[in-house]
N, C-alpha and C. Protein backbone atom coordinates (compact mmCIF):
# COMPACT_ATOMS: atom_id res chain seq x y z
N MET A 1 8.72 24.62 -24.16
CA MET A 1 8.35 24.89 -22.78
C MET A 1 8.17 23.46 -22.16
N SER A 2 8.79 23.37 -21.04
CA SER A 2 8.87 22.03 -20.28
C SER A 2 7.93 22.24 -19.10
N GLY A 3 7.27 21.02 -18.74
CA GLY A 3 6.36 21.07 -17.63
C GLY A 3 5.97 19.62 -17.24
N THR A 4 5.54 19.54 -15.98
CA THR A 4 5.06 18.29 -15.42
C THR A 4 3.63 18.62 -15.00
N THR A 5 2.76 17.58 -15.29
CA THR A 5 1.32 17.76 -14.80
C THR A 5 1.27 17.60 -13.35
N ALA A 6 0.17 18.02 -12.80
CA ALA A 6 -0.07 17.90 -11.26
C ALA A 6 -0.10 16.44 -10.92
N SER A 7 -0.47 15.51 -11.77
CA SER A 7 -0.62 14.14 -11.36
C SER A 7 0.79 13.55 -11.40
N GLY A 8 1.82 14.16 -12.11
CA GLY A 8 3.18 13.75 -12.09
C GLY A 8 3.46 12.69 -13.03
N GLY A 9 4.73 12.50 -13.50
CA GLY A 9 5.06 11.50 -14.31
C GLY A 9 4.92 11.70 -15.84
N ILE A 10 4.00 12.43 -16.18
CA ILE A 10 3.73 12.65 -17.69
C ILE A 10 4.06 14.12 -17.93
N HIS A 11 4.97 14.28 -18.87
CA HIS A 11 5.37 15.66 -19.25
C HIS A 11 5.74 15.76 -20.68
N GLN A 12 5.72 17.03 -21.14
CA GLN A 12 6.00 17.35 -22.50
C GLN A 12 7.11 18.32 -22.50
N HIS A 13 8.20 18.21 -23.42
CA HIS A 13 9.25 19.10 -23.40
C HIS A 13 8.87 20.28 -24.22
N HIS A 14 8.34 20.10 -25.35
CA HIS A 14 7.73 21.09 -26.30
C HIS A 14 6.66 20.49 -27.00
N GLN A 15 5.99 21.36 -27.79
CA GLN A 15 4.75 20.91 -28.45
C GLN A 15 4.95 19.70 -29.31
N HIS A 16 6.05 19.54 -30.03
CA HIS A 16 6.22 18.55 -30.97
C HIS A 16 6.90 17.16 -30.34
N SER A 17 7.27 17.22 -29.11
CA SER A 17 7.91 16.03 -28.56
C SER A 17 6.76 15.04 -28.08
N ARG A 18 7.23 13.79 -27.97
CA ARG A 18 6.29 12.74 -27.51
C ARG A 18 6.08 12.91 -26.04
N PRO A 19 4.92 12.72 -25.51
CA PRO A 19 4.74 12.65 -24.09
C PRO A 19 5.50 11.43 -23.54
N SER A 20 5.94 11.46 -22.29
CA SER A 20 6.65 10.24 -21.78
C SER A 20 6.12 9.93 -20.32
N PHE A 21 6.47 8.82 -19.94
CA PHE A 21 6.08 8.39 -18.58
C PHE A 21 7.27 8.20 -17.84
N ASN A 22 7.54 9.00 -16.70
CA ASN A 22 8.73 8.92 -15.94
C ASN A 22 8.42 7.94 -14.81
N LEU A 23 8.75 6.69 -14.85
CA LEU A 23 8.45 5.79 -13.82
C LEU A 23 9.07 6.05 -12.47
N ALA A 24 10.38 6.48 -12.48
CA ALA A 24 11.07 6.84 -11.32
C ALA A 24 10.41 8.01 -10.60
N GLN A 25 9.98 8.99 -11.37
CA GLN A 25 9.31 10.16 -10.72
C GLN A 25 7.87 9.73 -10.14
N PHE A 26 7.19 8.77 -10.84
CA PHE A 26 5.90 8.31 -10.40
C PHE A 26 6.06 7.68 -8.98
N TRP A 27 7.00 6.75 -8.91
CA TRP A 27 7.19 6.03 -7.58
C TRP A 27 7.80 6.98 -6.52
N GLU A 28 8.59 7.89 -6.88
CA GLU A 28 9.11 8.82 -5.94
C GLU A 28 7.95 9.67 -5.34
N GLU A 29 7.06 10.10 -6.15
CA GLU A 29 5.80 10.80 -5.71
C GLU A 29 4.96 9.94 -4.84
N GLU A 30 4.77 8.72 -5.24
CA GLU A 30 3.92 7.77 -4.44
C GLU A 30 4.53 7.58 -3.02
N MET A 31 5.89 7.31 -3.06
CA MET A 31 6.51 7.19 -1.73
C MET A 31 6.39 8.43 -0.91
N THR A 32 6.55 9.67 -1.43
CA THR A 32 6.39 10.85 -0.76
C THR A 32 5.06 10.94 -0.15
N MET A 33 4.03 10.69 -0.90
CA MET A 33 2.65 10.77 -0.49
C MET A 33 2.39 9.79 0.66
N ALA A 34 2.90 8.58 0.47
CA ALA A 34 2.67 7.47 1.42
C ALA A 34 3.42 7.87 2.84
N GLN A 35 4.49 8.45 2.78
CA GLN A 35 5.20 8.79 3.95
C GLN A 35 4.79 10.04 4.65
N SER A 36 4.16 10.94 3.91
CA SER A 36 3.73 12.21 4.46
C SER A 36 2.28 12.26 4.92
N SER A 37 1.48 11.35 4.43
CA SER A 37 0.03 11.38 4.81
C SER A 37 -0.28 10.47 6.08
N GLU A 38 -1.22 10.81 6.76
CA GLU A 38 -1.65 10.00 7.81
C GLU A 38 -2.66 8.96 7.32
N PRO A 39 -2.46 7.68 7.48
CA PRO A 39 -3.42 6.67 6.96
C PRO A 39 -4.82 6.88 7.58
N ASN A 40 -5.80 6.82 6.68
CA ASN A 40 -7.21 6.77 7.19
C ASN A 40 -7.80 5.41 6.93
N PHE A 41 -7.95 4.81 8.06
CA PHE A 41 -8.47 3.30 7.99
C PHE A 41 -9.97 3.21 7.97
N ARG A 42 -10.63 4.43 8.05
CA ARG A 42 -12.08 4.45 8.10
C ARG A 42 -12.73 4.54 6.70
N THR A 43 -12.11 5.19 5.83
CA THR A 43 -12.65 5.37 4.45
C THR A 43 -11.70 4.94 3.47
N HIS A 44 -12.20 4.31 2.40
CA HIS A 44 -11.28 3.76 1.34
C HIS A 44 -11.97 3.98 -0.06
N PRO A 45 -11.18 4.30 -1.06
CA PRO A 45 -11.74 4.49 -2.36
C PRO A 45 -12.32 3.20 -3.01
N LEU A 46 -11.76 2.03 -2.57
CA LEU A 46 -12.23 0.73 -3.06
C LEU A 46 -13.00 0.02 -1.93
N PRO A 47 -13.99 -0.83 -2.28
CA PRO A 47 -14.71 -1.47 -1.27
C PRO A 47 -14.02 -2.60 -0.61
N LEU A 48 -13.81 -2.50 0.57
CA LEU A 48 -12.98 -3.54 1.35
C LEU A 48 -13.68 -4.87 1.38
N ALA A 49 -15.03 -4.85 1.45
CA ALA A 49 -15.80 -6.10 1.43
C ALA A 49 -15.57 -6.86 0.12
N ARG A 50 -15.56 -6.19 -0.93
CA ARG A 50 -15.28 -6.87 -2.28
C ARG A 50 -13.93 -7.43 -2.32
N ILE A 51 -12.92 -6.57 -1.81
CA ILE A 51 -11.58 -7.11 -1.85
C ILE A 51 -11.40 -8.29 -0.98
N LYS A 52 -12.07 -8.36 0.15
CA LYS A 52 -12.03 -9.53 1.03
C LYS A 52 -12.68 -10.73 0.36
N LYS A 53 -13.81 -10.50 -0.36
CA LYS A 53 -14.48 -11.52 -1.07
C LYS A 53 -13.60 -12.20 -2.15
N VAL A 54 -12.87 -11.26 -2.94
CA VAL A 54 -11.90 -11.81 -3.90
C VAL A 54 -10.78 -12.63 -3.20
N MET A 55 -10.30 -12.11 -2.08
CA MET A 55 -9.23 -12.88 -1.34
C MET A 55 -9.72 -14.19 -0.89
N LYS A 56 -11.02 -14.29 -0.41
CA LYS A 56 -11.51 -15.53 0.04
C LYS A 56 -11.90 -16.46 -1.00
N SER A 57 -11.88 -16.03 -2.32
CA SER A 57 -12.18 -16.89 -3.46
C SER A 57 -11.12 -18.00 -3.64
N ASP A 58 -10.00 -17.82 -3.03
CA ASP A 58 -8.98 -18.81 -3.05
C ASP A 58 -9.23 -19.82 -1.95
N PRO A 59 -9.48 -21.02 -2.29
CA PRO A 59 -9.80 -22.04 -1.27
C PRO A 59 -8.76 -22.21 -0.16
N GLU A 60 -7.55 -21.89 -0.50
CA GLU A 60 -6.48 -22.04 0.55
C GLU A 60 -6.45 -21.01 1.56
N VAL A 61 -7.14 -19.86 1.32
CA VAL A 61 -7.15 -18.73 2.21
C VAL A 61 -8.30 -19.07 3.38
N LYS A 62 -7.80 -19.25 4.55
CA LYS A 62 -8.79 -19.54 5.64
C LYS A 62 -9.21 -18.34 6.45
N MET A 63 -8.21 -17.49 6.77
CA MET A 63 -8.50 -16.37 7.57
C MET A 63 -7.73 -15.14 6.98
N ILE A 64 -8.37 -13.91 7.18
CA ILE A 64 -7.83 -12.73 6.65
C ILE A 64 -7.82 -11.66 7.78
N SER A 65 -6.68 -11.13 7.99
CA SER A 65 -6.54 -10.13 9.06
C SER A 65 -7.30 -8.83 8.63
N ALA A 66 -7.52 -7.92 9.52
CA ALA A 66 -8.27 -6.71 9.20
C ALA A 66 -7.49 -5.82 8.30
N GLU A 67 -6.19 -5.72 8.44
CA GLU A 67 -5.43 -4.84 7.62
C GLU A 67 -5.04 -5.40 6.21
N ALA A 68 -5.22 -6.65 6.03
CA ALA A 68 -4.89 -7.22 4.65
C ALA A 68 -5.70 -6.58 3.58
N PRO A 69 -6.98 -6.55 3.63
CA PRO A 69 -7.79 -5.84 2.53
C PRO A 69 -7.41 -4.32 2.39
N ILE A 70 -6.95 -3.71 3.49
CA ILE A 70 -6.57 -2.32 3.41
C ILE A 70 -5.34 -2.18 2.57
N LEU A 71 -4.41 -3.01 2.85
CA LEU A 71 -3.11 -3.04 2.10
C LEU A 71 -3.43 -3.31 0.57
N PHE A 72 -4.29 -4.30 0.33
CA PHE A 72 -4.65 -4.70 -1.08
C PHE A 72 -5.34 -3.42 -1.69
N ALA A 73 -6.13 -2.78 -0.98
CA ALA A 73 -6.91 -1.62 -1.49
C ALA A 73 -5.84 -0.51 -1.99
N LYS A 74 -4.84 -0.24 -1.15
CA LYS A 74 -3.81 0.67 -1.52
C LYS A 74 -3.05 0.17 -2.72
N ALA A 75 -2.72 -1.08 -2.74
CA ALA A 75 -1.87 -1.65 -3.85
C ALA A 75 -2.74 -1.52 -5.13
N CYS A 76 -3.99 -1.72 -5.08
CA CYS A 76 -4.89 -1.67 -6.34
C CYS A 76 -5.01 -0.25 -6.69
N GLU A 77 -5.10 0.70 -5.77
CA GLU A 77 -5.15 2.14 -6.06
C GLU A 77 -3.82 2.60 -6.80
N THR A 78 -2.76 2.17 -6.25
CA THR A 78 -1.48 2.53 -6.90
C THR A 78 -1.31 1.94 -8.27
N PHE A 79 -1.67 0.64 -8.43
CA PHE A 79 -1.63 -0.01 -9.75
C PHE A 79 -2.45 0.69 -10.79
N ILE A 80 -3.69 1.06 -10.34
CA ILE A 80 -4.58 1.70 -11.26
C ILE A 80 -4.05 3.10 -11.69
N SER A 81 -3.41 3.73 -10.74
CA SER A 81 -2.85 5.07 -11.01
C SER A 81 -1.71 4.98 -12.00
N GLU A 82 -0.90 4.06 -11.77
CA GLU A 82 0.27 3.87 -12.74
C GLU A 82 -0.22 3.47 -14.15
N LEU A 83 -1.15 2.53 -14.20
CA LEU A 83 -1.71 2.11 -15.51
C LEU A 83 -2.46 3.23 -16.14
N THR A 84 -3.12 4.09 -15.44
CA THR A 84 -3.83 5.23 -15.95
C THR A 84 -2.82 6.27 -16.57
N LYS A 85 -1.73 6.48 -15.90
CA LYS A 85 -0.73 7.40 -16.39
C LYS A 85 -0.07 6.85 -17.62
N ARG A 86 0.15 5.57 -17.74
CA ARG A 86 0.73 4.90 -18.93
C ARG A 86 -0.27 5.03 -20.08
N ALA A 87 -1.56 4.86 -19.86
CA ALA A 87 -2.53 4.95 -20.86
C ALA A 87 -2.73 6.44 -21.31
N TRP A 88 -2.59 7.32 -20.39
CA TRP A 88 -2.75 8.69 -20.75
C TRP A 88 -1.66 9.19 -21.74
N VAL A 89 -0.44 8.64 -21.59
CA VAL A 89 0.61 8.98 -22.52
C VAL A 89 0.22 8.60 -23.95
N HIS A 90 -0.36 7.41 -24.09
CA HIS A 90 -0.80 7.00 -25.36
C HIS A 90 -2.03 7.87 -25.96
N ALA A 91 -2.96 8.23 -25.10
CA ALA A 91 -4.02 9.16 -25.44
C ALA A 91 -3.43 10.45 -26.03
N GLU A 92 -2.43 11.02 -25.29
CA GLU A 92 -1.84 12.30 -25.66
C GLU A 92 -1.06 12.07 -26.93
N GLU A 93 -0.43 11.08 -27.17
CA GLU A 93 0.32 10.76 -28.46
C GLU A 93 -0.72 10.71 -29.62
N SER A 94 -1.90 10.33 -29.29
CA SER A 94 -2.98 10.20 -30.31
C SER A 94 -3.65 11.51 -30.38
N LYS A 95 -3.23 12.49 -29.73
CA LYS A 95 -3.84 13.84 -29.68
C LYS A 95 -5.33 13.80 -29.23
N ARG A 96 -5.63 12.97 -28.15
CA ARG A 96 -6.91 12.87 -27.59
C ARG A 96 -6.83 13.27 -26.14
N ARG A 97 -7.96 13.67 -25.61
CA ARG A 97 -8.11 14.02 -24.15
C ARG A 97 -8.98 13.04 -23.49
N THR A 98 -9.33 11.90 -24.07
CA THR A 98 -10.22 10.97 -23.54
C THR A 98 -9.54 9.63 -23.57
N LEU A 99 -9.41 8.92 -22.44
CA LEU A 99 -8.85 7.60 -22.38
C LEU A 99 -9.81 6.55 -23.02
N LEU A 100 -9.19 5.74 -23.94
CA LEU A 100 -9.97 4.72 -24.58
C LEU A 100 -9.51 3.36 -24.08
N ARG A 101 -10.23 2.29 -24.37
CA ARG A 101 -9.79 0.95 -24.02
C ARG A 101 -8.46 0.62 -24.67
N SER A 102 -8.23 1.13 -25.93
CA SER A 102 -7.02 0.96 -26.64
C SER A 102 -5.76 1.58 -25.98
N ASP A 103 -6.05 2.71 -25.30
CA ASP A 103 -4.90 3.37 -24.56
C ASP A 103 -4.47 2.53 -23.37
N ILE A 104 -5.45 1.96 -22.72
CA ILE A 104 -5.16 1.09 -21.59
C ILE A 104 -4.39 -0.19 -22.09
N ALA A 105 -4.81 -0.75 -23.23
CA ALA A 105 -4.21 -1.90 -23.78
C ALA A 105 -2.73 -1.50 -24.18
N MET A 106 -2.52 -0.29 -24.71
CA MET A 106 -1.16 0.07 -25.07
C MET A 106 -0.36 0.20 -23.82
N GLY A 107 -0.91 0.80 -22.75
CA GLY A 107 -0.13 1.00 -21.53
C GLY A 107 0.22 -0.38 -21.00
N ILE A 108 -0.64 -1.35 -21.10
CA ILE A 108 -0.39 -2.68 -20.54
C ILE A 108 0.76 -3.34 -21.46
N SER A 109 0.74 -3.13 -22.79
CA SER A 109 1.65 -3.85 -23.67
C SER A 109 3.08 -3.24 -23.57
N LYS A 110 3.22 -2.03 -22.97
CA LYS A 110 4.49 -1.41 -22.90
C LYS A 110 5.23 -1.66 -21.69
N THR A 111 4.75 -2.56 -20.82
CA THR A 111 5.47 -2.91 -19.56
C THR A 111 5.31 -4.40 -19.24
N ASP A 112 6.45 -5.13 -18.97
CA ASP A 112 6.37 -6.54 -18.60
C ASP A 112 5.62 -6.73 -17.34
N MET A 113 5.56 -5.73 -16.46
CA MET A 113 4.72 -5.82 -15.23
C MET A 113 3.34 -6.28 -15.53
N CYS A 114 2.79 -5.89 -16.61
CA CYS A 114 1.32 -6.14 -16.90
C CYS A 114 1.14 -7.30 -17.88
N ASP A 115 2.13 -8.16 -18.10
CA ASP A 115 1.97 -9.26 -18.90
C ASP A 115 0.83 -10.12 -18.60
N PHE A 116 0.52 -10.27 -17.35
CA PHE A 116 -0.59 -11.02 -16.87
C PHE A 116 -1.88 -10.55 -17.34
N LEU A 117 -2.05 -9.39 -17.88
CA LEU A 117 -3.30 -8.78 -18.31
C LEU A 117 -3.37 -8.89 -19.85
N ILE A 118 -2.43 -9.37 -20.58
CA ILE A 118 -2.45 -9.39 -22.03
C ILE A 118 -3.67 -10.11 -22.59
N ASP A 119 -3.98 -11.27 -21.97
CA ASP A 119 -5.15 -12.01 -22.43
C ASP A 119 -6.52 -11.35 -21.97
N ILE A 120 -6.44 -10.61 -20.98
CA ILE A 120 -7.66 -10.05 -20.42
C ILE A 120 -8.05 -8.78 -21.16
N VAL A 121 -7.09 -8.01 -21.52
CA VAL A 121 -7.22 -6.74 -22.24
C VAL A 121 -6.45 -6.85 -23.53
N PRO A 122 -6.97 -7.51 -24.58
CA PRO A 122 -6.22 -7.67 -25.80
C PRO A 122 -6.05 -6.26 -26.48
N ARG A 123 -4.97 -6.14 -27.21
CA ARG A 123 -4.74 -4.72 -27.89
C ARG A 123 -5.75 -4.67 -29.03
N MET A 124 -6.27 -3.44 -29.13
CA MET A 124 -7.23 -3.17 -30.26
C MET A 124 -6.68 -1.99 -30.87
N GLU A 125 -6.85 -1.90 -32.21
CA GLU A 125 -6.44 -0.74 -33.01
C GLU A 125 -7.57 0.31 -32.95
N VAL A 126 -7.17 1.51 -32.80
CA VAL A 126 -8.08 2.64 -32.71
C VAL A 126 -8.52 3.00 -34.18
N VAL A 127 -9.81 3.12 -34.39
CA VAL A 127 -10.28 3.66 -35.65
C VAL A 127 -10.70 5.08 -35.47
N GLU A 128 -9.96 5.99 -36.14
CA GLU A 128 -10.30 7.41 -35.98
C GLU A 128 -11.62 7.71 -36.58
N PRO A 129 -12.44 8.59 -35.86
CA PRO A 129 -13.80 8.91 -36.27
C PRO A 129 -13.87 9.47 -37.71
N SER A 130 -12.82 10.08 -38.14
CA SER A 130 -12.80 10.75 -39.50
C SER A 130 -12.66 9.66 -40.56
N LYS A 131 -12.13 8.48 -40.21
CA LYS A 131 -11.88 7.40 -41.14
C LYS A 131 -13.04 6.40 -41.20
N VAL A 132 -14.02 6.48 -40.31
CA VAL A 132 -15.15 5.62 -40.34
C VAL A 132 -16.09 5.96 -41.36
N LYS A 133 -16.52 4.99 -42.26
CA LYS A 133 -17.40 5.26 -43.32
C LYS A 133 -18.83 5.42 -42.79
N LYS A 134 -19.47 6.42 -43.26
CA LYS A 134 -20.88 6.73 -42.88
C LYS A 134 -21.80 6.10 -43.88
N LYS A 135 -22.87 5.43 -43.43
CA LYS A 135 -23.89 4.78 -44.27
C LYS A 135 -24.92 5.76 -44.75
């Protein structure tokens, strides 16, 4: 049985196949949402003041337009969404329904786009709860 989740991009063909991440489908859905929705400049899921503060941490940045933090907020939101979907594939492969740090690390390690995060989020091996020795 074939299916795609509501969040898109992650699907299973049958029970024994590996979950996969369809990057083209992910970006197609992102573009469709961006083109079909009316932008709401009053509310944002990420704090614009914090984004502006990070932008100003660069000493070469002197002035920031009002729309620049909004664009960065949307870019961050999209980046987090893609990385979450990549991590979710690893969690499903491990037969888990909870995202772990190691899932995110695996999502990062499987794309060159995230090479800049390799030192920030080092890959960690998951220790299955059943294999942990009890004292």
